[in-house]
Amino acid sequence: MSDAYKPKVLLIYIAYTLATLQGTLLQNIRVTEYICRPTETECSTERHSSFWIGLHAPDWVQSLNTWSDLAFCLMNLKPHKQLNFTQRT
């Protein structure tokens, strides 16, 4: 491998490692069902790898913030329904 490719390969290696470690951490704290669809019970292999989960976790956080802000704005349009919105069923 030539010296010109070594920094690029190192950067790819670091990015892959960080995404995989982030995905493993998210699997350990059991929030993967919020990031991706869970694996069906009859399927023996996982749907997504730790790398995929770690790579898409920031997208999930950004969409959660965006949609929750929109939901709060919509809920504020109906102040007489606040009790209904706060009830958990």
PDB file of N, CA and C in Angstrom:
ATOM      1  N   MET A   1       0.852  -1.170   0.000  1.00  0.00           N
ATOM      2  CA  MET A   1       0.000   0.000   0.000  1.00  0.00           C
ATOM      3  C   MET A   1       0.899   1.234   0.000  1.00  0.00           C
ATOM      4  N   SER A   2       0.567   2.178  -0.855  1.00  0.00           N
ATOM      5  CA  SER A   2       1.390   3.381  -0.929  1.00  0.00           C
ATOM      6  C   SER A   2       1.090   4.304   0.245  1.00  0.00           C
ATOM      7  N   ASP A   3       2.001   5.211   0.479  1.00  0.00           N
ATOM      8  CA  ASP A   3       1.858   6.133   1.605  1.00  0.00           C
ATOM      9  C   ASP A   3       0.691   7.097   1.431  1.00  0.00           C
ATOM     10  N   ALA A   4       0.255   7.320   0.204  1.00  0.00           N
ATOM     11  CA  ALA A   4      -0.859   8.245  -0.030  1.00  0.00           C
ATOM     12  C   ALA A   4      -2.179   7.676   0.478  1.00  0.00           C
ATOM     13  N   TYR A   5      -2.312   6.353   0.495  1.00  0.00           N
ATOM     14  CA  TYR A   5      -3.566   5.730   0.908  1.00  0.00           C
ATOM     15  C   TYR A   5      -3.654   5.467   2.403  1.00  0.00           C
ATOM     16  N   LYS A   6      -2.534   5.450   3.084  1.00  0.00           N
ATOM     17  CA  LYS A   6      -2.528   5.112   4.505  1.00  0.00           C
ATOM     18  C   LYS A   6      -3.384   6.049   5.354  1.00  0.00           C
ATOM     19  N   PRO A   7      -3.312   7.377   5.181  1.00  0.00           N
ATOM     20  CA  PRO A   7      -4.187   8.245   5.995  1.00  0.00           C
ATOM     21  C   PRO A   7      -5.673   8.016   5.717  1.00  0.00           C
ATOM     22  N   LYS A   8      -6.015   7.733   4.472  1.00  0.00           N
ATOM     23  CA  LYS A   8      -7.419   7.494   4.127  1.00  0.00           C
ATOM     24  C   LYS A   8      -7.924   6.198   4.753  1.00  0.00           C
ATOM     25  N   VAL A   9      -7.106   5.167   4.673  1.00  0.00           N
ATOM     26  CA  VAL A   9      -7.487   3.882   5.258  1.00  0.00           C
ATOM     27  C   VAL A   9      -7.595   4.011   6.771  1.00  0.00           C
ATOM     28  N   LEU A  10      -6.679   4.735   7.381  1.00  0.00           N
ATOM     29  CA  LEU A  10      -6.724   4.954   8.821  1.00  0.00           C
ATOM     30  C   LEU A  10      -7.989   5.710   9.217  1.00  0.00           C
ATOM     31  N   LEU A  11      -8.356   6.714   8.439  1.00  0.00           N
ATOM     32  CA  LEU A  11      -9.574   7.477   8.716  1.00  0.00           C
ATOM     33  C   LEU A  11     -10.816   6.594   8.592  1.00  0.00           C
ATOM     34  N   ILE A  12     -10.871   5.765   7.573  1.00  0.00           N
ATOM     35  CA  ILE A  12     -11.995   4.842   7.404  1.00  0.00           C
ATOM     36  C   ILE A  12     -12.043   3.853   8.559  1.00  0.00           C
ATOM     37  N   TYR A  13     -10.892   3.351   8.969  1.00  0.00           N
ATOM     38  CA  TYR A  13     -10.820   2.411  10.084  1.00  0.00           C
ATOM     39  C   TYR A  13     -11.331   3.051  11.368  1.00  0.00           C
ATOM     40  N   ILE A  14     -10.923   4.285  11.634  1.00  0.00           N
ATOM     41  CA  ILE A  14     -11.362   4.983  12.851  1.00  0.00           C
ATOM     42  C   ILE A  14     -12.865   5.233  12.807  1.00  0.00           C
ATOM     43  N   ALA A  15     -13.384   5.672  11.658  1.00  0.00           N
ATOM     44  CA  ALA A  15     -14.820   5.942  11.537  1.00  0.00           C
ATOM     45  C   ALA A  15     -15.631   4.660  11.722  1.00  0.00           C
ATOM     46  N   TYR A  16     -15.180   3.570  11.121  1.00  0.00           N
ATOM     47  CA  TYR A  16     -15.875   2.290  11.260  1.00  0.00           C
ATOM     48  C   TYR A  16     -15.854   1.820  12.709  1.00  0.00           C
ATOM     49  N   THR A  17     -14.707   1.948  13.351  1.00  0.00           N
ATOM     50  CA  THR A  17     -14.581   1.515  14.743  1.00  0.00           C
ATOM     51  C   THR A  17     -15.475   2.334  15.659  1.00  0.00           C
ATOM     52  N   LEU A  18     -15.495   3.650  15.474  1.00  0.00           N
ATOM     53  CA  LEU A  18     -16.334   4.503  16.322  1.00  0.00           C
ATOM     54  C   LEU A  18     -17.818   4.199  16.131  1.00  0.00           C
ATOM     55  N   ALA A  19     -18.248   4.005  14.889  1.00  0.00           N
ATOM     56  CA  ALA A  19     -19.655   3.690  14.636  1.00  0.00           C
ATOM     57  C   ALA A  19     -20.022   2.334  15.234  1.00  0.00           C
ATOM     58  N   THR A  20     -19.133   1.362  15.125  1.00  0.00           N
ATOM     59  CA  THR A  20     -19.400   0.040  15.691  1.00  0.00           C
ATOM     60  C   THR A  20     -19.457   0.091  17.213  1.00  0.00           C
ATOM     61  N   LEU A  21     -18.544   0.821  17.837  1.00  0.00           N
ATOM     62  CA  LEU A  21     -18.564   0.951  19.297  1.00  0.00           C
ATOM     63  C   LEU A  21     -19.820   1.672  19.767  1.00  0.00           C
ATOM     64  N   GLN A  22     -20.235   2.709  19.032  1.00  0.00           N
ATOM     65  CA  GLN A  22     -21.465   3.426  19.380  1.00  0.00           C
ATOM     66  C   GLN A  22     -22.667   2.491  19.266  1.00  0.00           C
ATOM     67  N   GLY A  23     -22.717   1.685  18.210  1.00  0.00           N
ATOM     68  CA  GLY A  23     -23.809   0.731  18.044  1.00  0.00           C
ATOM     69  C   GLY A  23     -23.835  -0.316  19.140  1.00  0.00           C
ATOM     70  N   THR A  24     -22.673  -0.796  19.537  1.00  0.00           N
ATOM     71  CA  THR A  24     -22.592  -1.776  20.624  1.00  0.00           C
ATOM     72  C   THR A  24     -23.066  -1.168  21.934  1.00  0.00           C
ATOM     73  N   LEU A  25     -22.665   0.067  22.193  1.00  0.00           N
ATOM     74  CA  LEU A  25     -23.113   0.758  23.406  1.00  0.00           C
ATOM     75  C   LEU A  25     -24.632   0.912  23.411  1.00  0.00           C
ATOM     76  N   LEU A  26     -25.207   1.287  22.279  1.00  0.00           N
ATOM     77  CA  LEU A  26     -26.659   1.453  22.195  1.00  0.00           C
ATOM     78  C   LEU A  26     -27.379   0.118  22.358  1.00  0.00           C
ATOM     79  N   GLN A  27     -26.790  -0.958  21.868  1.00  0.00           N
ATOM     80  CA  GLN A  27     -27.387  -2.278  22.070  1.00  0.00           C
ATOM     81  C   GLN A  27     -27.331  -2.676  23.537  1.00  0.00           C
ATOM     82  N   ASN A  28     -26.252  -2.320  24.213  1.00  0.00           N
ATOM     83  CA  ASN A  28     -26.111  -2.672  25.629  1.00  0.00           C
ATOM     84  C   ASN A  28     -27.102  -1.924  26.514  1.00  0.00           C
ATOM     85  N   ILE A  29     -27.445  -0.686  26.144  1.00  0.00           N
ATOM     86  CA  ILE A  29     -28.418   0.059  26.955  1.00  0.00           C
ATOM     87  C   ILE A  29     -29.839  -0.116  26.430  1.00  0.00           C
ATOM     88  N   ARG A  30     -29.996  -0.999  25.449  1.00  0.00           N
ATOM     89  CA  ARG A  30     -31.299  -1.455  24.945  1.00  0.00           C
ATOM     90  C   ARG A  30     -32.187  -0.337  24.389  1.00  0.00           C
ATOM     91  N   VAL A  31     -31.615   0.499  23.535  1.00  0.00           N
ATOM     92  CA  VAL A  31     -32.421   1.507  22.851  1.00  0.00           C
ATOM     93  C   VAL A  31     -32.494   1.244  21.349  1.00  0.00           C
ATOM     94  N   THR A  32     -32.010   0.081  20.923  1.00  0.00           N
ATOM     95  CA  THR A  32     -32.001  -0.202  19.492  1.00  0.00           C
ATOM     96  C   THR A  32     -33.403  -0.350  18.916  1.00  0.00           C
ATOM     97  N   GLU A  33     -34.375  -0.721  19.732  1.00  0.00           N
ATOM     98  CA  GLU A  33     -35.735  -0.852  19.195  1.00  0.00           C
ATOM     99  C   GLU A  33     -36.321   0.500  18.806  1.00  0.00           C
ATOM    100  N   TYR A  34     -35.735   1.584  19.280  1.00  0.00           N
ATOM    101  CA  TYR A  34     -36.170   2.916  18.879  1.00  0.00           C
ATOM    102  C   TYR A  34     -35.444   3.384  17.624  1.00  0.00           C
ATOM    103  N   ILE A  35     -34.285   2.831  17.351  1.00  0.00           N
ATOM    104  CA  ILE A  35     -33.480   3.257  16.211  1.00  0.00           C
ATOM    105  C   ILE A  35     -33.818   2.444  14.965  1.00  0.00           C
ATOM    106  N   CYS A  36     -34.035   1.150  15.130  1.00  0.00           N
ATOM    107  CA  CYS A  36     -34.331   0.297  13.983  1.00  0.00           C
ATOM    108  C   CYS A  36     -35.394  -0.725  14.366  1.00  0.00           C
ATOM    109  N   ARG A  37     -35.968  -1.330  13.355  1.00  0.00           N
ATOM    110  CA  ARG A  37     -36.981  -2.351  13.605  1.00  0.00           C
ATOM    111  C   ARG A  37     -36.354  -3.549  14.285  1.00  0.00           C
ATOM    112  N   PRO A  38     -37.041  -4.121  15.276  1.00  0.00           N
ATOM    113  CA  PRO A  38     -36.470  -5.292  15.951  1.00  0.00           C
ATOM    114  C   PRO A  38     -36.506  -6.525  15.052  1.00  0.00           C
ATOM    115  N   THR A  39     -35.690  -7.486  15.380  1.00  0.00           N
ATOM    116  CA  THR A  39     -35.643  -8.745  14.644  1.00  0.00           C
ATOM    117  C   THR A  39     -36.866  -9.582  15.002  1.00  0.00           C
ATOM    118  N   GLU A  40     -37.469 -10.206  13.991  1.00  0.00           N
ATOM    119  CA  GLU A  40     -38.610 -11.075  14.242  1.00  0.00           C
ATOM    120  C   GLU A  40     -38.166 -12.297  15.037  1.00  0.00           C
ATOM    121  N   THR A  41     -39.098 -12.870  15.772  1.00  0.00           N
ATOM    122  CA  THR A  41     -38.758 -14.015  16.621  1.00  0.00           C
ATOM    123  C   THR A  41     -38.359 -15.240  15.801  1.00  0.00           C
ATOM    124  N   GLU A  42     -38.918 -15.405  14.610  1.00  0.00           N
ATOM    125  CA  GLU A  42     -38.582 -16.579  13.807  1.00  0.00           C
ATOM    126  C   GLU A  42     -37.268 -16.409  13.033  1.00  0.00           C
ATOM    127  N   CYS A  43     -36.706 -15.226  13.048  1.00  0.00           N
ATOM    128  CA  CYS A  43     -35.454 -14.962  12.338  1.00  0.00           C
ATOM    129  C   CYS A  43     -34.277 -15.113  13.303  1.00  0.00           C
ATOM    130  N   SER A  44     -33.278 -15.878  12.904  1.00  0.00           N
ATOM    131  CA  SER A  44     -32.159 -16.154  13.816  1.00  0.00           C
ATOM    132  C   SER A  44     -31.053 -15.107  13.733  1.00  0.00           C
ATOM    133  N   THR A  45     -31.011 -14.334  12.661  1.00  0.00           N
ATOM    134  CA  THR A  45     -29.966 -13.320  12.528  1.00  0.00           C
ATOM    135  C   THR A  45     -30.526 -11.939  12.840  1.00  0.00           C
ATOM    136  N   GLU A  46     -29.650 -11.069  13.293  1.00  0.00           N
ATOM    137  CA  GLU A  46     -30.077  -9.706  13.602  1.00  0.00           C
ATOM    138  C   GLU A  46     -30.374  -8.950  12.320  1.00  0.00           C
ATOM    139  N   ARG A  47     -31.290  -7.999  12.417  1.00  0.00           N
ATOM    140  CA  ARG A  47     -31.664  -7.212  11.253  1.00  0.00           C
ATOM    141  C   ARG A  47     -30.553  -6.247  10.857  1.00  0.00           C
ATOM    142  N   HIS A  48     -29.957  -5.590  11.857  1.00  0.00           N
ATOM    143  CA  HIS A  48     -28.919  -4.598  11.581  1.00  0.00           C
ATOM    144  C   HIS A  48     -27.702  -4.854  12.459  1.00  0.00           C
ATOM    145  N   SER A  49     -26.543  -4.515  11.929  1.00  0.00           N
ATOM    146  CA  SER A  49     -25.293  -4.704  12.664  1.00  0.00           C
ATOM    147  C   SER A  49     -25.070  -3.547  13.634  1.00  0.00           C
ATOM    148  N   SER A  50     -24.094  -3.717  14.501  1.00  0.00           N
ATOM    149  CA  SER A  50     -23.721  -2.641  15.420  1.00  0.00           C
ATOM    150  C   SER A  50     -23.246  -1.421  14.641  1.00  0.00           C
ATOM    151  N   PHE A  51     -22.560  -1.659  13.524  1.00  0.00           N
ATOM    152  CA  PHE A  51     -22.102  -0.552  12.683  1.00  0.00           C
ATOM    153  C   PHE A  51     -23.287   0.248  12.155  1.00  0.00           C
ATOM    154  N   TRP A  52     -24.297  -0.435  11.621  1.00  0.00           N
ATOM    155  CA  TRP A  52     -25.465   0.254  11.066  1.00  0.00           C
ATOM    156  C   TRP A  52     -26.176   1.057  12.150  1.00  0.00           C
ATOM    157  N   ILE A  53     -26.344   0.472  13.323  1.00  0.00           N
ATOM    158  CA  ILE A  53     -27.030   1.147  14.424  1.00  0.00           C
ATOM    159  C   ILE A  53     -26.245   2.379  14.852  1.00  0.00           C
ATOM    160  N   GLY A  54     -24.932   2.240  14.992  1.00  0.00           N
ATOM    161  CA  GLY A  54     -24.108   3.379  15.372  1.00  0.00           C
ATOM    162  C   GLY A  54     -24.089   4.461  14.318  1.00  0.00           C
ATOM    163  N   LEU A  55     -24.187   4.065  13.057  1.00  0.00           N
ATOM    164  CA  LEU A  55     -24.168   5.029  11.965  1.00  0.00           C
ATOM    165  C   LEU A  55     -25.471   5.822  11.887  1.00  0.00           C
ATOM    166  N   HIS A  56     -26.600   5.187  12.187  1.00  0.00           N
ATOM    167  CA  HIS A  56     -27.899   5.837  12.042  1.00  0.00           C
ATOM    168  C   HIS A  56     -28.453   6.412  13.338  1.00  0.00           C
ATOM    169  N   ALA A  57     -27.780   6.227  14.449  1.00  0.00           N
ATOM    170  CA  ALA A  57     -28.252   6.773  15.727  1.00  0.00           C
ATOM    171  C   ALA A  57     -28.366   8.298  15.705  1.00  0.00           C
ATOM    172  N   PRO A  58     -27.402   9.042  15.138  1.00  0.00           N
ATOM    173  CA  PRO A  58     -27.571  10.504  15.095  1.00  0.00           C
ATOM    174  C   PRO A  58     -28.796  10.937  14.291  1.00  0.00           C
ATOM    175  N   ASP A  59     -29.121  10.201  13.223  1.00  0.00           N
ATOM    176  CA  ASP A  59     -30.332  10.511  12.455  1.00  0.00           C
ATOM    177  C   ASP A  59     -31.572  10.331  13.314  1.00  0.00           C
ATOM    178  N   TRP A  60     -31.581   9.279  14.119  1.00  0.00           N
ATOM    179  CA  TRP A  60     -32.709   9.013  15.004  1.00  0.00           C
ATOM    180  C   TRP A  60     -32.875  10.129  16.022  1.00  0.00           C
ATOM    181  N   VAL A  61     -31.774  10.582  16.618  1.00  0.00           N
ATOM    182  CA  VAL A  61     -31.840  11.655  17.619  1.00  0.00           C
ATOM    183  C   VAL A  61     -32.337  12.943  16.978  1.00  0.00           C
ATOM    184  N   GLN A  62     -31.844  13.263  15.794  1.00  0.00           N
ATOM    185  CA  GLN A  62     -32.270  14.481  15.113  1.00  0.00           C
ATOM    186  C   GLN A  62     -33.757  14.417  14.763  1.00  0.00           C
ATOM    187  N   SER A  63     -34.232  13.295  14.266  1.00  0.00           N
ATOM    188  CA  SER A  63     -35.651  13.191  13.925  1.00  0.00           C
ATOM    189  C   SER A  63     -36.517  13.209  15.177  1.00  0.00           C
ATOM    190  N   LEU A  64     -36.036  12.619  16.267  1.00  0.00           N
ATOM    191  CA  LEU A  64     -36.780  12.659  17.523  1.00  0.00           C
ATOM    192  C   LEU A  64     -36.957  14.095  17.990  1.00  0.00           C
ATOM    193  N   ASN A  65     -35.896  14.887  17.936  1.00  0.00           N
ATOM    194  CA  ASN A  65     -35.992  16.294  18.333  1.00  0.00           C
ATOM    195  C   ASN A  65     -36.939  17.067  17.426  1.00  0.00           C
ATOM    196  N   THR A  66     -36.827  16.853  16.131  1.00  0.00           N
ATOM    197  CA  THR A  66     -37.675  17.572  15.177  1.00  0.00           C
ATOM    198  C   THR A  66     -39.143  17.226  15.373  1.00  0.00           C
ATOM    199  N   TRP A  67     -39.458  15.932  15.424  1.00  0.00           N
ATOM    200  CA  TRP A  67     -40.853  15.518  15.523  1.00  0.00           C
ATOM    201  C   TRP A  67     -41.449  15.820  16.891  1.00  0.00           C
ATOM    202  N   SER A  68     -40.648  15.752  17.953  1.00  0.00           N
ATOM    203  CA  SER A  68     -41.199  16.070  19.276  1.00  0.00           C
ATOM    204  C   SER A  68     -41.508  17.555  19.380  1.00  0.00           C
ATOM    205  N   ASP A  69     -40.666  18.411  18.790  1.00  0.00           N
ATOM    206  CA  ASP A  69     -40.965  19.849  18.773  1.00  0.00           C
ATOM    207  C   ASP A  69     -42.258  20.116  18.007  1.00  0.00           C
ATOM    208  N   LEU A  70     -42.433  19.452  16.886  1.00  0.00           N
ATOM    209  CA  LEU A  70     -43.657  19.616  16.104  1.00  0.00           C
ATOM    210  C   LEU A  70     -44.871  19.116  16.882  1.00  0.00           C
ATOM    211  N   ALA A  71     -44.721  18.005  17.581  1.00  0.00           N
ATOM    212  CA  ALA A  71     -45.830  17.471  18.371  1.00  0.00           C
ATOM    213  C   ALA A  71     -46.228  18.438  19.484  1.00  0.00           C
ATOM    214  N   PHE A  72     -45.258  19.044  20.154  1.00  0.00           N
ATOM    215  CA  PHE A  72     -45.574  20.015  21.201  1.00  0.00           C
ATOM    216  C   PHE A  72     -46.282  21.237  20.631  1.00  0.00           C
ATOM    217  N   CYS A  73     -45.863  21.688  19.458  1.00  0.00           N
ATOM    218  CA  CYS A  73     -46.545  22.825  18.820  1.00  0.00           C
ATOM    219  C   CYS A  73     -47.992  22.473  18.494  1.00  0.00           C
ATOM    220  N   LEU A  74     -48.207  21.283  17.968  1.00  0.00           N
ATOM    221  CA  LEU A  74     -49.572  20.870  17.644  1.00  0.00           C
ATOM    222  C   LEU A  74     -50.416  20.688  18.901  1.00  0.00           C
ATOM    223  N   MET A  75     -49.828  20.170  19.971  1.00  0.00           N
ATOM    224  CA  MET A  75     -50.570  19.990  21.218  1.00  0.00           C
ATOM    225  C   MET A  75     -50.948  21.330  21.828  1.00  0.00           C
ATOM    226  N   ASN A  76     -50.115  22.340  21.644  1.00  0.00           N
ATOM    227  CA  ASN A  76     -50.424  23.666  22.179  1.00  0.00           C
ATOM    228  C   ASN A  76     -51.561  24.346  21.431  1.00  0.00           C
ATOM    229  N   LEU A  77     -51.893  23.868  20.245  1.00  0.00           N
ATOM    230  CA  LEU A  77     -53.020  24.425  19.501  1.00  0.00           C
ATOM    231  C   LEU A  77     -54.358  24.045  20.133  1.00  0.00           C
ATOM    232  N   LYS A  78     -54.376  22.996  20.927  1.00  0.00           N
ATOM    233  CA  LYS A  78     -55.600  22.512  21.582  1.00  0.00           C
ATOM    234  C   LYS A  78     -55.392  22.491  23.095  1.00  0.00           C
ATOM    235  N   PRO A  79     -55.403  23.641  23.764  1.00  0.00           N
ATOM    236  CA  PRO A  79     -55.120  23.652  25.202  1.00  0.00           C
ATOM    237  C   PRO A  79     -56.166  22.905  26.029  1.00  0.00           C
ATOM    238  N   HIS A  80     -57.398  22.818  25.535  1.00  0.00           N
ATOM    239  CA  HIS A  80     -58.436  22.117  26.289  1.00  0.00           C
ATOM    240  C   HIS A  80     -58.248  20.595  26.262  1.00  0.00           C
ATOM    241  N   LYS A  81     -57.334  20.100  25.463  1.00  0.00           N
ATOM    242  CA  LYS A  81     -57.072  18.661  25.371  1.00  0.00           C
ATOM    243  C   LYS A  81     -55.785  18.250  26.095  1.00  0.00           C
ATOM    244  N   GLN A  82     -55.199  19.151  26.886  1.00  0.00           N
ATOM    245  CA  GLN A  82     -53.921  18.859  27.535  1.00  0.00           C
ATOM    246  C   GLN A  82     -53.985  17.606  28.408  1.00  0.00           C
ATOM    247  N   LEU A  83     -55.099  17.409  29.117  1.00  0.00           N
ATOM    248  CA  LEU A  83     -55.219  16.213  29.950  1.00  0.00           C
ATOM    249  C   LEU A  83     -55.189  14.943  29.108  1.00  0.00           C
ATOM    250  N   ASN A  84     -55.813  14.991  27.945  1.00  0.00           N
ATOM    251  CA  ASN A  84     -55.805  13.823  27.058  1.00  0.00           C
ATOM    252  C   ASN A  84     -54.395  13.519  26.550  1.00  0.00           C
ATOM    253  N   PHE A  85     -53.630  14.571  26.287  1.00  0.00           N
ATOM    254  CA  PHE A  85     -52.285  14.370  25.757  1.00  0.00           C
ATOM    255  C   PHE A  85     -51.334  13.801  26.802  1.00  0.00           C
ATOM    256  N   THR A  86     -51.560  14.109  28.061  1.00  0.00           N
ATOM    257  CA  THR A  86     -50.643  13.653  29.102  1.00  0.00           C
ATOM    258  C   THR A  86     -51.008  12.277  29.651  1.00  0.00           C
ATOM    259  N   GLN A  87     -52.192  11.765  29.333  1.00  0.00           N
ATOM    260  CA  GLN A  87     -52.590  10.440  29.808  1.00  0.00           C
ATOM    261  C   GLN A  87     -51.824   9.373  29.047  1.00  0.00           C
ATOM    262  N   ARG A  88     -51.429   8.355  29.775  1.00  0.00           N
ATOM    263  CA  ARG A  88     -50.772   7.212  29.134  1.00  0.00           C
ATOM    264  C   ARG A  88     -51.770   6.068  29.097  1.00  0.00           C
ATOM    265  N   THR A  89     -51.915   5.473  27.952  1.00  0.00           N
ATOM    266  CA  THR A  89     -52.843   4.349  27.828  1.00  0.00           C
ATOM    267  C   THR A  89     -52.118   3.088  27.487  1.00  0.00           C
TER     268      THR A  89
END
